[in-house]
Amino acid sequence: MIRKHDNQYYIFSALILAVGDILALLLFTFFGTMEHQMDAGFTETFVITLPFALGWIIAGLFLGAFRSRAYATGGTATAAVVRTLILGIPLGLLLRWAMYGKEVSLVFALVTFAFSLLFLLLWRWAFTWLIKNI
């Protein structure tokens, strides 16, 4: 039986997790723009990140990436990130094309997947550790 405060705890945890995910994607975009010597402020970084954040959130809601079992252990956090990215990155690329008319290259898609994976895993592992130890 789930008590009301337990449900509120899981909703709060899911919101923190989603906000952290978006911040991780923004951080990836920020470092990417720095690496490419682009002069991108917060607005430009947000605009670049938006289709991928939307793709991630949609895929995450569909695949259960914000449920408590998605961060129960480091292994489940890893599996949730990989599963969600397999759907979320292509969705983000499609949204990027639809929103901005940006064509997709295989190299861009692979780099986006690899570095999104890195940033999201680091965040999800930290979140999992915090939930277990606080």
C-alpha atoms as a PDB file:
ATOM      1  CA  MET A   1       0.000   0.000   0.000  1.00  0.00           C
ATOM      2  CA  ILE A   2       1.442   3.368  -1.029  1.00  0.00           C
ATOM      3  CA  ARG A   3       0.836   6.149   1.421  1.00  0.00           C
ATOM      4  CA  LYS A   4       0.206   9.658   0.134  1.00  0.00           C
ATOM      5  CA  HIS A   5       3.590  10.968   1.237  1.00  0.00           C
ATOM      6  CA  ASP A   6       5.366   8.042  -0.478  1.00  0.00           C
ATOM      7  CA  ASN A   7       3.706   8.951  -3.771  1.00  0.00           C
ATOM      8  CA  GLN A   8       4.657  12.599  -3.289  1.00  0.00           C
ATOM      9  CA  TYR A   9       8.252  11.493  -2.609  1.00  0.00           C
ATOM     10  CA  TYR A  10       8.404   9.586  -5.900  1.00  0.00           C
ATOM     11  CA  ILE A  11       6.859  12.476  -7.837  1.00  0.00           C
ATOM     12  CA  PHE A  12       9.371  14.878  -6.271  1.00  0.00           C
ATOM     13  CA  SER A  13      12.232  12.479  -7.060  1.00  0.00           C
ATOM     14  CA  ALA A  14      11.054  12.138 -10.670  1.00  0.00           C
ATOM     15  CA  LEU A  15      10.934  15.925 -11.059  1.00  0.00           C
ATOM     16  CA  ILE A  16      14.438  16.341  -9.640  1.00  0.00           C
ATOM     17  CA  LEU A  17      15.646  13.550 -11.901  1.00  0.00           C
ATOM     18  CA  ALA A  18      14.090  15.173 -14.998  1.00  0.00           C
ATOM     19  CA  VAL A  19      15.490  18.610 -14.139  1.00  0.00           C
ATOM     20  CA  GLY A  20      18.925  17.059 -13.609  1.00  0.00           C
ATOM     21  CA  ASP A  21      18.641  15.242 -16.935  1.00  0.00           C
ATOM     22  CA  ILE A  22      17.890  18.497 -18.728  1.00  0.00           C
ATOM     23  CA  LEU A  23      20.763  20.228 -16.939  1.00  0.00           C
ATOM     24  CA  ALA A  24      23.080  17.378 -17.974  1.00  0.00           C
ATOM     25  CA  LEU A  25      22.007  17.822 -21.594  1.00  0.00           C
ATOM     26  CA  LEU A  26      22.474  21.600 -21.324  1.00  0.00           C
ATOM     27  CA  LEU A  27      25.949  21.038 -19.893  1.00  0.00           C
ATOM     28  CA  PHE A  28      26.804  18.703 -22.781  1.00  0.00           C
ATOM     29  CA  THR A  29      25.620  21.354 -25.247  1.00  0.00           C
ATOM     30  CA  PHE A  30      27.564  24.061 -23.422  1.00  0.00           C
ATOM     31  CA  PHE A  31      30.810  22.067 -23.599  1.00  0.00           C
ATOM     32  CA  GLY A  32      30.081  21.151 -27.215  1.00  0.00           C
ATOM     33  CA  THR A  33      29.654  24.786 -28.212  1.00  0.00           C
ATOM     34  CA  MET A  34      32.872  25.655 -26.376  1.00  0.00           C
ATOM     35  CA  GLU A  35      34.710  22.824 -28.158  1.00  0.00           C
ATOM     36  CA  HIS A  36      33.468  24.137 -31.517  1.00  0.00           C
ATOM     37  CA  GLN A  37      34.384  27.704 -30.490  1.00  0.00           C
ATOM     38  CA  MET A  38      30.804  28.869 -30.875  1.00  0.00           C
ATOM     39  CA  ASP A  39      29.790  32.005 -29.024  1.00  0.00           C
ATOM     40  CA  ALA A  40      26.609  30.610 -27.473  1.00  0.00           C
ATOM     41  CA  GLY A  41      24.939  32.172 -24.477  1.00  0.00           C
ATOM     42  CA  PHE A  42      22.251  30.524 -22.387  1.00  0.00           C
ATOM     43  CA  THR A  43      19.485  31.179 -24.920  1.00  0.00           C
ATOM     44  CA  GLU A  44      21.436  29.651 -27.809  1.00  0.00           C
ATOM     45  CA  THR A  45      22.491  26.701 -25.647  1.00  0.00           C
ATOM     46  CA  PHE A  46      18.864  26.153 -24.641  1.00  0.00           C
ATOM     47  CA  VAL A  47      17.672  26.333 -28.273  1.00  0.00           C
ATOM     48  CA  ILE A  48      20.306  23.786 -29.337  1.00  0.00           C
ATOM     49  CA  THR A  49      19.393  21.470 -26.453  1.00  0.00           C
ATOM     50  CA  LEU A  50      15.591  21.781 -26.718  1.00  0.00           C
ATOM     51  CA  PRO A  51      14.862  19.065 -29.332  1.00  0.00           C
ATOM     52  CA  PHE A  52      17.093  16.574 -27.527  1.00  0.00           C
ATOM     53  CA  ALA A  53      15.606  17.425 -24.128  1.00  0.00           C
ATOM     54  CA  LEU A  54      12.127  16.927 -25.585  1.00  0.00           C
ATOM     55  CA  GLY A  55      13.187  13.642 -27.215  1.00  0.00           C
ATOM     56  CA  TRP A  56      14.712  12.490 -23.912  1.00  0.00           C
ATOM     57  CA  ILE A  57      11.653  13.415 -21.841  1.00  0.00           C
ATOM     58  CA  ILE A  58       9.196  11.821 -24.295  1.00  0.00           C
ATOM     59  CA  ALA A  59      11.267   8.636 -24.531  1.00  0.00           C
ATOM     60  CA  GLY A  60      11.781   8.623 -20.761  1.00  0.00           C
ATOM     61  CA  LEU A  61       8.079   8.898 -20.042  1.00  0.00           C
ATOM     62  CA  PHE A  62       7.352   6.130 -22.531  1.00  0.00           C
ATOM     63  CA  LEU A  63      10.115   3.821 -21.230  1.00  0.00           C
ATOM     64  CA  GLY A  64       9.801   4.508 -17.499  1.00  0.00           C
ATOM     65  CA  ALA A  65      13.094   6.380 -17.033  1.00  0.00           C
ATOM     66  CA  PHE A  66      11.618   8.509 -14.260  1.00  0.00           C
ATOM     67  CA  ARG A  67      10.224   5.674 -12.153  1.00  0.00           C
ATOM     68  CA  SER A  68      12.009   4.725  -8.944  1.00  0.00           C
ATOM     69  CA  ARG A  69      13.246   1.425 -10.369  1.00  0.00           C
ATOM     70  CA  ALA A  70      15.165   3.393 -13.030  1.00  0.00           C
ATOM     71  CA  TYR A  71      17.537   4.630 -10.329  1.00  0.00           C
ATOM     72  CA  ALA A  72      17.382   1.760  -7.831  1.00  0.00           C
ATOM     73  CA  THR A  73      21.012   0.773  -8.543  1.00  0.00           C
ATOM     74  CA  GLY A  74      23.842   1.934 -10.736  1.00  0.00           C
ATOM     75  CA  GLY A  75      23.051  -0.908 -13.118  1.00  0.00           C
ATOM     76  CA  THR A  76      19.389  -0.023 -13.448  1.00  0.00           C
ATOM     77  CA  ALA A  77      20.331   3.639 -13.904  1.00  0.00           C
ATOM     78  CA  THR A  78      22.722   2.656 -16.704  1.00  0.00           C
ATOM     79  CA  ALA A  79      20.117   0.461 -18.396  1.00  0.00           C
ATOM     80  CA  ALA A  80      17.476   3.209 -18.158  1.00  0.00           C
ATOM     81  CA  VAL A  81      19.812   5.785 -19.722  1.00  0.00           C
ATOM     82  CA  VAL A  82      20.885   3.499 -22.577  1.00  0.00           C
ATOM     83  CA  ARG A  83      17.301   2.408 -23.354  1.00  0.00           C
ATOM     84  CA  THR A  84      16.012   5.943 -23.246  1.00  0.00           C
ATOM     85  CA  LEU A  85      18.826   7.314 -25.403  1.00  0.00           C
ATOM     86  CA  ILE A  86      18.285   4.619 -28.051  1.00  0.00           C
ATOM     87  CA  LEU A  87      14.814   6.097 -28.561  1.00  0.00           C
ATOM     88  CA  GLY A  88      15.460   9.662 -27.386  1.00  0.00           C
ATOM     89  CA  ILE A  89      18.396  10.583 -29.641  1.00  0.00           C
ATOM     90  CA  PRO A  90      16.683   9.646 -32.923  1.00  0.00           C
ATOM     91  CA  LEU A  91      13.575  11.447 -31.690  1.00  0.00           C
ATOM     92  CA  GLY A  92      15.692  14.479 -30.778  1.00  0.00           C
ATOM     93  CA  LEU A  93      17.345  14.427 -34.202  1.00  0.00           C
ATOM     94  CA  LEU A  94      13.936  14.258 -35.862  1.00  0.00           C
ATOM     95  CA  LEU A  95      12.679  17.152 -33.734  1.00  0.00           C
ATOM     96  CA  ARG A  96      15.848  19.122 -34.522  1.00  0.00           C
ATOM     97  CA  TRP A  97      15.179  18.625 -38.231  1.00  0.00           C
ATOM     98  CA  ALA A  98      11.477  19.523 -37.859  1.00  0.00           C
ATOM     99  CA  MET A  99      12.091  22.570 -35.645  1.00  0.00           C
ATOM    100  CA  TYR A 100      15.198  24.055 -37.253  1.00  0.00           C
ATOM    101  CA  GLY A 101      15.610  22.334 -40.614  1.00  0.00           C
ATOM    102  CA  LYS A 102      19.007  20.962 -39.547  1.00  0.00           C
ATOM    103  CA  GLU A 103      20.085  17.911 -41.495  1.00  0.00           C
ATOM    104  CA  VAL A 104      21.502  14.942 -39.639  1.00  0.00           C
ATOM    105  CA  SER A 105      24.873  13.349 -40.208  1.00  0.00           C
ATOM    106  CA  LEU A 106      25.828   9.962 -38.853  1.00  0.00           C
ATOM    107  CA  VAL A 107      28.877  11.437 -37.107  1.00  0.00           C
ATOM    108  CA  PHE A 108      26.743  14.091 -35.386  1.00  0.00           C
ATOM    109  CA  ALA A 109      24.238  11.435 -34.299  1.00  0.00           C
ATOM    110  CA  LEU A 110      26.960   9.164 -32.889  1.00  0.00           C
ATOM    111  CA  VAL A 111      28.758  11.984 -31.073  1.00  0.00           C
ATOM    112  CA  THR A 112      25.455  13.221 -29.659  1.00  0.00           C
ATOM    113  CA  PHE A 113      24.621   9.703 -28.454  1.00  0.00           C
ATOM    114  CA  ALA A 114      28.063   9.085 -26.922  1.00  0.00           C
ATOM    115  CA  PHE A 115      28.367  12.371 -25.065  1.00  0.00           C
ATOM    116  CA  SER A 116      24.727  12.477 -23.996  1.00  0.00           C
ATOM    117  CA  LEU A 117      25.314   8.997 -22.610  1.00  0.00           C
ATOM    118  CA  LEU A 118      28.364  10.202 -20.679  1.00  0.00           C
ATOM    119  CA  PHE A 119      26.711  13.288 -19.177  1.00  0.00           C
ATOM    120  CA  LEU A 120      23.427  11.541 -18.372  1.00  0.00           C
ATOM    121  CA  LEU A 121      25.164   8.536 -16.823  1.00  0.00           C
ATOM    122  CA  LEU A 122      27.286  10.733 -14.574  1.00  0.00           C
ATOM    123  CA  TRP A 123      24.163  12.580 -13.405  1.00  0.00           C
ATOM    124  CA  ARG A 124      22.058   9.428 -12.984  1.00  0.00           C
ATOM    125  CA  TRP A 125      24.809   7.641 -11.051  1.00  0.00           C
ATOM    126  CA  ALA A 126      25.189  10.675  -8.765  1.00  0.00           C
ATOM    127  CA  PHE A 127      21.426  10.827  -8.270  1.00  0.00           C
ATOM    128  CA  THR A 128      21.282   7.092  -7.495  1.00  0.00           C
ATOM    129  CA  TRP A 129      24.093   7.469  -4.961  1.00  0.00           C
ATOM    130  CA  LEU A 130      22.421  10.476  -3.342  1.00  0.00           C
ATOM    131  CA  ILE A 131      19.047   8.731  -3.045  1.00  0.00           C
ATOM    132  CA  LYS A 132      20.699   5.724  -1.384  1.00  0.00           C
ATOM    133  CA  ASN A 133      22.896   7.736   0.980  1.00  0.00           C
ATOM    134  CA  ILE A 134      20.793  10.677   2.103  1.00  0.00           C
END
